[in-house]
Structure formats: C-alpha cells, structure tokens
C-alpha cells in the first residue's frame, strides 16, 4: 500500500503553473506597460527555475519514497 503519492502532487503543481501561464497570457493582452513588464520580471520570471528545481526535488523524493516502501515491504515477515 502506498503511503505517499508525490506524482499526483507534482501533477497538481504542473497544472497550477499552466493555469498561471494562461492567466498571465490573458492578462498581458490587456495589461502591457512598464508596470506589467516589471511585475513579470520581478515575480513571474524567477518562478521558472524555482519551479523546475521544485519538480526535480519532488521527483527525487518520490523515487526515494518508492525505494523505502519497497525495502520496508520486502523486510516484513510473511503472514499466514
């Protein structure tokens, strides 16, 4: 039995980032001035590398949790 489903959480993160990109694309069609560009540079552009690092960390954590679950399952005594 899986105790942790990090893949689903990573998918939710990707969906949220996709929604943010879509919302920004729609907003930037109407809001395209120096302030919007500054907002994008200050808040949105830094998200991309941080987001990628976060997804990489979640993927690695999912791999480690899966390994731990397999090891724990293999070490449990068989029941009759």
PDB file of N, CA and C in Angstrom:
ATOM      1  N   UNK A   1       0.831  -1.176   0.000  1.00  0.00           N
ATOM      2  CA  UNK A   1       0.000   0.000   0.000  1.00  0.00           C
ATOM      3  C   UNK A   1       0.882   1.247   0.000  1.00  0.00           C
ATOM      4  N   UNK A   2       0.630   2.132  -0.916  1.00  0.00           N
ATOM      5  CA  UNK A   2       1.416   3.369  -0.995  1.00  0.00           C
ATOM      6  C   UNK A   2       0.949   4.336   0.086  1.00  0.00           C
ATOM      7  N   UNK A   3       1.924   4.905   0.771  1.00  0.00           N
ATOM      8  CA  UNK A   3       1.590   5.863   1.817  1.00  0.00           C
ATOM      9  C   UNK A   3       1.757   7.297   1.344  1.00  0.00           C
ATOM     10  N   UNK A   4       2.373   7.467   0.202  1.00  0.00           N
ATOM     11  CA  UNK A   4       2.685   8.814  -0.263  1.00  0.00           C
ATOM     12  C   UNK A   4       2.592   8.833  -1.790  1.00  0.00           C
ATOM     13  N   UNK A   5       1.876   9.812  -2.333  1.00  0.00           N
ATOM     14  CA  UNK A   5       1.709   9.896  -3.780  1.00  0.00           C
ATOM     15  C   UNK A   5       2.222  11.244  -4.272  1.00  0.00           C
ATOM     16  N   UNK A   6       3.520  11.339  -4.392  1.00  0.00           N
ATOM     17  CA  UNK A   6       4.135  12.596  -4.802  1.00  0.00           C
ATOM     18  C   UNK A   6       3.940  12.883  -6.281  1.00  0.00           C
ATOM     19  N   UNK A   7       3.708  11.852  -7.079  1.00  0.00           N
ATOM     20  CA  UNK A   7       3.482  12.081  -8.505  1.00  0.00           C
ATOM     21  C   UNK A   7       2.218  12.910  -8.733  1.00  0.00           C
ATOM     22  N   UNK A   8       1.178  12.617  -7.954  1.00  0.00           N
ATOM     23  CA  UNK A   8      -0.055  13.391  -8.066  1.00  0.00           C
ATOM     24  C   UNK A   8       0.178  14.837  -7.651  1.00  0.00           C
ATOM     25  N   UNK A   9       0.955  15.019  -6.595  1.00  0.00           N
ATOM     26  CA  UNK A   9       1.267  16.383  -6.159  1.00  0.00           C
ATOM     27  C   UNK A   9       2.069  17.133  -7.215  1.00  0.00           C
ATOM     28  N   UNK A  10       3.002  16.459  -7.865  1.00  0.00           N
ATOM     29  CA  UNK A  10       3.783  17.095  -8.932  1.00  0.00           C
ATOM     30  C   UNK A  10       2.873  17.473 -10.101  1.00  0.00           C
ATOM     31  N   UNK A  11       1.923  16.609 -10.412  1.00  0.00           N
ATOM     32  CA  UNK A  11       0.975  16.918 -11.493  1.00  0.00           C
ATOM     33  C   UNK A  11       0.128  18.135 -11.134  1.00  0.00           C
ATOM     34  N   UNK A  12      -0.270  18.232  -9.879  1.00  0.00           N
ATOM     35  CA  UNK A  12      -1.025  19.414  -9.437  1.00  0.00           C
ATOM     36  C   UNK A  12      -0.179  20.680  -9.572  1.00  0.00           C
ATOM     37  N   UNK A  13       1.094  20.572  -9.225  1.00  0.00           N
ATOM     38  CA  UNK A  13       1.991  21.722  -9.365  1.00  0.00           C
ATOM     39  C   UNK A  13       2.092  22.152 -10.824  1.00  0.00           C
ATOM     40  N   UNK A  14       2.244  21.167 -11.722  1.00  0.00           N
ATOM     41  CA  UNK A  14       2.326  21.494 -13.153  1.00  0.00           C
ATOM     42  C   UNK A  14       1.035  22.139 -13.646  1.00  0.00           C
ATOM     43  N   UNK A  15      -0.102  21.602 -13.203  1.00  0.00           N
ATOM     44  CA  UNK A  15      -1.394  22.182 -13.594  1.00  0.00           C
ATOM     45  C   UNK A  15      -1.520  23.624 -13.106  1.00  0.00           C
ATOM     46  N   UNK A  16      -1.099  23.866 -11.873  1.00  0.00           N
ATOM     47  CA  UNK A  16      -1.178  25.226 -11.326  1.00  0.00           C
ATOM     48  C   UNK A  16      -0.284  26.180 -12.110  1.00  0.00           C
ATOM     49  N   UNK A  17       0.904  25.727 -12.478  1.00  0.00           N
ATOM     50  CA  UNK A  17       1.800  26.582 -13.258  1.00  0.00           C
ATOM     51  C   UNK A  17       1.218  26.838 -14.643  1.00  0.00           C
ATOM     52  N   UNK A  18       0.612  25.830 -15.238  1.00  0.00           N
ATOM     53  CA  UNK A  18      -0.044  26.025 -16.538  1.00  0.00           C
ATOM     54  C   UNK A  18      -1.170  27.053 -16.432  1.00  0.00           C
ATOM     55  N   UNK A  19      -1.965  26.958 -15.364  1.00  0.00           N
ATOM     56  CA  UNK A  19      -3.050  27.924 -15.159  1.00  0.00           C
ATOM     57  C   UNK A  19      -2.500  29.333 -14.986  1.00  0.00           C
ATOM     58  N   UNK A  20      -1.395  29.452 -14.260  1.00  0.00           N
ATOM     59  CA  UNK A  20      -0.774  30.766 -14.074  1.00  0.00           C
ATOM     60  C   UNK A  20      -0.298  31.334 -15.405  1.00  0.00           C
ATOM     61  N   UNK A  21       0.335  30.493 -16.217  1.00  0.00           N
ATOM     62  CA  UNK A  21       0.808  30.954 -17.529  1.00  0.00           C
ATOM     63  C   UNK A  21      -0.355  31.419 -18.409  1.00  0.00           C
ATOM     64  N   UNK A  22      -1.420  30.647 -18.410  1.00  0.00           N
ATOM     65  CA  UNK A  22      -2.594  31.013 -19.210  1.00  0.00           C
ATOM     66  C   UNK A  22      -3.185  32.328 -18.711  1.00  0.00           C
ATOM     67  N   UNK A  23      -3.320  32.458 -17.395  1.00  0.00           N
ATOM     68  CA  UNK A  23      -3.877  33.690 -16.827  1.00  0.00           C
ATOM     69  C   UNK A  23      -2.988  34.884 -17.146  1.00  0.00           C
ATOM     70  N   UNK A  24      -1.662  34.689 -17.065  1.00  0.00           N
ATOM     71  CA  UNK A  24      -0.756  35.803 -17.374  1.00  0.00           C
ATOM     72  C   UNK A  24      -0.835  36.165 -18.853  1.00  0.00           C
ATOM     73  N   UNK A  25      -0.916  35.170 -19.713  1.00  0.00           N
ATOM     74  CA  UNK A  25      -1.044  35.461 -21.146  1.00  0.00           C
ATOM     75  C   UNK A  25      -2.297  36.286 -21.422  1.00  0.00           C
ATOM     76  N   UNK A  26      -3.402  35.908 -20.780  1.00  0.00           N
ATOM     77  CA  UNK A  26      -4.650  36.652 -20.970  1.00  0.00           C
ATOM     78  C   UNK A  26      -4.540  38.062 -20.396  1.00  0.00           C
ATOM     79  N   UNK A  27      -3.950  38.178 -19.213  1.00  0.00           N
ATOM     80  CA  UNK A  27      -3.814  39.500 -18.582  1.00  0.00           C
ATOM     81  C   UNK A  27      -2.872  40.393 -19.373  1.00  0.00           C
ATOM     82  N   UNK A  28      -1.799  39.810 -19.877  1.00  0.00           N
ATOM     83  CA  UNK A  28      -0.810  40.637 -20.579  1.00  0.00           C
ATOM     84  C   UNK A  28      -1.320  41.115 -21.941  1.00  0.00           C
ATOM     85  N   UNK A  29      -2.369  40.481 -22.452  1.00  0.00           N
ATOM     86  CA  UNK A  29      -3.003  41.005 -23.668  1.00  0.00           C
ATOM     87  C   UNK A  29      -3.634  42.370 -23.404  1.00  0.00           C
ATOM     88  N   UNK A  30      -4.121  42.560 -22.176  1.00  0.00           N
ATOM     89  CA  UNK A  30      -4.792  43.812 -21.818  1.00  0.00           C
ATOM     90  C   UNK A  30      -3.900  44.752 -21.006  1.00  0.00           C
ATOM     91  N   UNK A  31      -2.932  44.172 -20.325  1.00  0.00           N
ATOM     92  CA  UNK A  31      -2.070  44.954 -19.437  1.00  0.00           C
ATOM     93  C   UNK A  31      -0.644  44.823 -19.943  1.00  0.00           C
ATOM     94  N   UNK A  32      -0.242  45.768 -20.758  1.00  0.00           N
ATOM     95  CA  UNK A  32       1.064  45.687 -21.397  1.00  0.00           C
ATOM     96  C   UNK A  32       1.733  47.058 -21.325  1.00  0.00           C
ATOM     97  N   UNK A  33       2.305  47.329 -20.158  1.00  0.00           N
ATOM     98  CA  UNK A  33       3.002  48.593 -19.973  1.00  0.00           C
ATOM     99  C   UNK A  33       4.255  48.332 -19.133  1.00  0.00           C
ATOM    100  N   UNK A  34       4.915  49.395 -18.721  1.00  0.00           N
ATOM    101  CA  UNK A  34       6.137  49.237 -17.933  1.00  0.00           C
ATOM    102  C   UNK A  34       5.884  48.518 -16.610  1.00  0.00           C
ATOM    103  N   UNK A  35       4.742  48.783 -16.000  1.00  0.00           N
ATOM    104  CA  UNK A  35       4.418  48.144 -14.720  1.00  0.00           C
ATOM    105  C   UNK A  35       4.204  46.642 -14.909  1.00  0.00           C
ATOM    106  N   UNK A  36       3.515  46.254 -15.967  1.00  0.00           N
ATOM    107  CA  UNK A  36       3.290  44.825 -16.209  1.00  0.00           C
ATOM    108  C   UNK A  36       4.602  44.115 -16.508  1.00  0.00           C
ATOM    109  N   UNK A  37       5.468  44.770 -17.254  1.00  0.00           N
ATOM    110  CA  UNK A  37       6.771  44.169 -17.546  1.00  0.00           C
ATOM    111  C   UNK A  37       7.608  44.041 -16.270  1.00  0.00           C
ATOM    112  N   UNK A  38       7.554  45.044 -15.418  1.00  0.00           N
ATOM    113  CA  UNK A  38       8.277  44.979 -14.144  1.00  0.00           C
ATOM    114  C   UNK A  38       7.717  43.862 -13.261  1.00  0.00           C
ATOM    115  N   UNK A  39       6.385  43.726 -13.256  1.00  0.00           N
ATOM    116  CA  UNK A  39       5.749  42.648 -12.494  1.00  0.00           C
ATOM    117  C   UNK A  39       6.232  41.291 -12.993  1.00  0.00           C
ATOM    118  N   UNK A  40       6.237  41.132 -14.293  1.00  0.00           N
ATOM    119  CA  UNK A  40       6.679  39.873 -14.889  1.00  0.00           C
ATOM    120  C   UNK A  40       8.131  39.582 -14.522  1.00  0.00           C
ATOM    121  N   UNK A  41       8.991  40.573 -14.662  1.00  0.00           N
ATOM    122  CA  UNK A  41      10.409  40.386 -14.350  1.00  0.00           C
ATOM    123  C   UNK A  41      10.631  40.082 -12.868  1.00  0.00           C
ATOM    124  N   UNK A  42       9.873  40.758 -12.019  1.00  0.00           N
ATOM    125  CA  UNK A  42      10.098  40.602 -10.579  1.00  0.00           C
ATOM    126  C   UNK A  42       9.478  39.332 -10.007  1.00  0.00           C
ATOM    127  N   UNK A  43       8.307  38.958 -10.481  1.00  0.00           N
ATOM    128  CA  UNK A  43       7.579  37.861  -9.857  1.00  0.00           C
ATOM    129  C   UNK A  43       7.466  36.602 -10.708  1.00  0.00           C
ATOM    130  N   UNK A  44       7.199  36.742 -11.987  1.00  0.00           N
ATOM    131  CA  UNK A  44       6.915  35.565 -12.808  1.00  0.00           C
ATOM    132  C   UNK A  44       8.169  34.896 -13.350  1.00  0.00           C
ATOM    133  N   UNK A  45       9.078  35.680 -13.894  1.00  0.00           N
ATOM    134  CA  UNK A  45      10.284  35.084 -14.473  1.00  0.00           C
ATOM    135  C   UNK A  45      11.105  34.280 -13.459  1.00  0.00           C
ATOM    136  N   UNK A  46      11.251  34.742 -12.212  1.00  0.00           N
ATOM    137  CA  UNK A  46      12.005  33.939 -11.241  1.00  0.00           C
ATOM    138  C   UNK A  46      11.329  32.612 -10.885  1.00  0.00           C
ATOM    139  N   UNK A  47      10.042  32.487 -11.182  1.00  0.00           N
ATOM    140  CA  UNK A  47       9.341  31.242 -10.860  1.00  0.00           C
ATOM    141  C   UNK A  47       9.824  30.061 -11.691  1.00  0.00           C
ATOM    142  N   UNK A  48      10.193  30.285 -12.934  1.00  0.00           N
ATOM    143  CA  UNK A  48      10.530  29.173 -13.832  1.00  0.00           C
ATOM    144  C   UNK A  48      11.665  28.306 -13.287  1.00  0.00           C
ATOM    145  N   UNK A  49      12.834  28.863 -12.958  1.00  0.00           N
ATOM    146  CA  UNK A  49      13.895  27.997 -12.439  1.00  0.00           C
ATOM    147  C   UNK A  49      13.552  27.402 -11.068  1.00  0.00           C
ATOM    148  N   UNK A  50      12.875  28.178 -10.221  1.00  0.00           N
ATOM    149  CA  UNK A  50      12.495  27.650  -8.912  1.00  0.00           C
ATOM    150  C   UNK A  50      11.479  26.522  -9.068  1.00  0.00           C
ATOM    151  N   UNK A  51      10.567  26.678 -10.003  1.00  0.00           N
ATOM    152  CA  UNK A  51       9.560  25.653 -10.257  1.00  0.00           C
ATOM    153  C   UNK A  51      10.209  24.369 -10.768  1.00  0.00           C
ATOM    154  N   UNK A  52      11.140  24.505 -11.697  1.00  0.00           N
ATOM    155  CA  UNK A  52      11.836  23.330 -12.220  1.00  0.00           C
ATOM    156  C   UNK A  52      12.601  22.624 -11.108  1.00  0.00           C
ATOM    157  N   UNK A  53      13.290  23.382 -10.278  1.00  0.00           N
ATOM    158  CA  UNK A  53      14.022  22.785  -9.155  1.00  0.00           C
ATOM    159  C   UNK A  53      13.074  22.059  -8.210  1.00  0.00           C
ATOM    160  N   UNK A  54      11.923  22.651  -7.967  1.00  0.00           N
ATOM    161  CA  UNK A  54      10.935  22.023  -7.086  1.00  0.00           C
ATOM    162  C   UNK A  54      10.425  20.714  -7.668  1.00  0.00           C
ATOM    163  N   UNK A  55      10.111  20.716  -8.956  1.00  0.00           N
ATOM    164  CA  UNK A  55       9.647  19.475  -9.591  1.00  0.00           C
ATOM    165  C   UNK A  55      10.730  18.409  -9.579  1.00  0.00           C
ATOM    166  N   UNK A  56      11.971  18.810  -9.819  1.00  0.00           N
ATOM    167  CA  UNK A  56      13.080  17.856  -9.754  1.00  0.00           C
ATOM    168  C   UNK A  56      13.201  17.265  -8.350  1.00  0.00           C
ATOM    169  N   UNK A  57      13.060  18.104  -7.330  1.00  0.00           N
ATOM    170  CA  UNK A  57      13.146  17.635  -5.947  1.00  0.00           C
ATOM    171  C   UNK A  57      11.995  16.696  -5.612  1.00  0.00           C
ATOM    172  N   UNK A  58      10.793  17.014  -6.077  1.00  0.00           N
ATOM    173  CA  UNK A  58       9.640  16.145  -5.828  1.00  0.00           C
ATOM    174  C   UNK A  58       9.840  14.800  -6.524  1.00  0.00           C
ATOM    175  N   UNK A  59      10.366  14.815  -7.739  1.00  0.00           N
ATOM    176  CA  UNK A  59      10.614  13.563  -8.461  1.00  0.00           C
ATOM    177  C   UNK A  59      11.640  12.709  -7.729  1.00  0.00           C
ATOM    178  N   UNK A  60      12.685  13.342  -7.242  1.00  0.00           N
ATOM    179  CA  UNK A  60      13.715  12.604  -6.495  1.00  0.00           C
ATOM    180  C   UNK A  60      13.128  12.056  -5.195  1.00  0.00           C
ATOM    181  N   UNK A  61      12.332  12.860  -4.519  1.00  0.00           N
ATOM    182  CA  UNK A  61      11.701  12.415  -3.278  1.00  0.00           C
ATOM    183  C   UNK A  61      10.762  11.240  -3.554  1.00  0.00           C
ATOM    184  N   UNK A  62      10.007  11.296  -4.635  1.00  0.00           N
ATOM    185  CA  UNK A  62       9.112  10.193  -4.992  1.00  0.00           C
ATOM    186  C   UNK A  62       9.909   8.919  -5.229  1.00  0.00           C
ATOM    187  N   UNK A  63      11.048   9.059  -5.883  1.00  0.00           N
ATOM    188  CA  UNK A  63      11.907   7.902  -6.124  1.00  0.00           C
ATOM    189  C   UNK A  63      12.394   7.317  -4.797  1.00  0.00           C
ATOM    190  N   UNK A  64      12.844   8.164  -3.890  1.00  0.00           N
ATOM    191  CA  UNK A  64      13.342   7.690  -2.597  1.00  0.00           C
ATOM    192  C   UNK A  64      12.237   7.063  -1.758  1.00  0.00           C
ATOM    193  N   UNK A  65      11.059   7.670  -1.759  1.00  0.00           N
ATOM    194  CA  UNK A  65       9.938   7.111  -1.001  1.00  0.00           C
ATOM    195  C   UNK A  65       9.556   5.747  -1.573  1.00  0.00           C
ATOM    196  N   UNK A  66       9.548   5.627  -2.884  1.00  0.00           N
ATOM    197  CA  UNK A  66       9.253   4.340  -3.508  1.00  0.00           C
ATOM    198  C   UNK A  66      10.261   3.272  -3.119  1.00  0.00           C
ATOM    199  N   UNK A  67      11.530   3.640  -3.105  1.00  0.00           N
ATOM    200  CA  UNK A  67      12.573   2.695  -2.689  1.00  0.00           C
ATOM    201  C   UNK A  67      12.380   2.282  -1.231  1.00  0.00           C
ATOM    202  N   UNK A  68      12.075   3.241  -0.372  1.00  0.00           N
ATOM    203  CA  UNK A  68      11.862   2.924   1.046  1.00  0.00           C
ATOM    204  C   UNK A  68      10.655   2.011   1.225  1.00  0.00           C
ATOM    205  N   UNK A  69       9.585   2.283   0.500  1.00  0.00           N
ATOM    206  CA  UNK A  69       8.394   1.437   0.610  1.00  0.00           C
ATOM    207  C   UNK A  69       8.698   0.013   0.172  1.00  0.00           C
ATOM    208  N   UNK A  70       9.446  -0.135  -0.920  1.00  0.00           N
ATOM    209  CA  UNK A  70       9.806  -1.486  -1.386  1.00  0.00           C
ATOM    210  C   UNK A  70      10.680  -2.195  -0.366  1.00  0.00           C
ATOM    211  N   UNK A  71      11.649  -1.482   0.185  1.00  0.00           N
ATOM    212  CA  UNK A  71      12.529  -2.092   1.179  1.00  0.00           C
ATOM    213  C   UNK A  71      11.755  -2.499   2.424  1.00  0.00           C
ATOM    214  N   UNK A  72      10.852  -1.653   2.882  1.00  0.00           N
ATOM    215  CA  UNK A  72      10.053  -1.988   4.065  1.00  0.00           C
ATOM    216  C   UNK A  72       9.135  -3.175   3.784  1.00  0.00           C
ATOM    217  N   UNK A  73       8.549  -3.210   2.597  1.00  0.00           N
ATOM    218  CA  UNK A  73       7.663  -4.310   2.227  1.00  0.00           C
ATOM    219  C   UNK A  73       8.455  -5.614   2.159  1.00  0.00           C
ATOM    220  N   UNK A  74       9.668  -5.562   1.613  1.00  0.00           N
ATOM    221  CA  UNK A  74      10.491  -6.759   1.479  1.00  0.00           C
ATOM    222  C   UNK A  74      10.982  -7.267   2.826  1.00  0.00           C
ATOM    223  N   UNK A  75      11.107  -6.390   3.815  1.00  0.00           N
ATOM    224  CA  UNK A  75      11.627  -6.785   5.119  1.00  0.00           C
ATOM    225  C   UNK A  75      10.551  -7.304   6.053  1.00  0.00           C
ATOM    226  N   UNK A  76       9.274  -7.108   5.728  1.00  0.00           N
ATOM    227  CA  UNK A  76       8.204  -7.567   6.610  1.00  0.00           C
ATOM    228  C   UNK A  76       8.083  -9.078   6.522  1.00  0.00           C
ATOM    229  N   UNK A  77       7.869  -9.727   7.677  1.00  0.00           N
ATOM    230  CA  UNK A  77       7.698 -11.188   7.649  1.00  0.00           C
ATOM    231  C   UNK A  77       6.389 -11.556   6.961  1.00  0.00           C
ATOM    232  N   UNK A  78       6.402 -12.692   6.335  1.00  0.00           N
ATOM    233  CA  UNK A  78       5.193 -13.158   5.650  1.00  0.00           C
ATOM    234  C   UNK A  78       4.166 -13.597   6.680  1.00  0.00           C
ATOM    235  N   UNK A  79       2.911 -13.300   6.415  1.00  0.00           N
ATOM    236  CA  UNK A  79       1.831 -13.722   7.310  1.00  0.00           C
ATOM    237  C   UNK A  79       1.121 -14.905   6.680  1.00  0.00           C
ATOM    238  N   UNK A  80       0.551 -15.722   7.527  1.00  0.00           N
ATOM    239  CA  UNK A  80      -0.146 -16.914   7.036  1.00  0.00           C
ATOM    240  C   UNK A  80      -1.558 -16.636   6.707  1.00  0.00           C
TER     241      UNK A  80
END
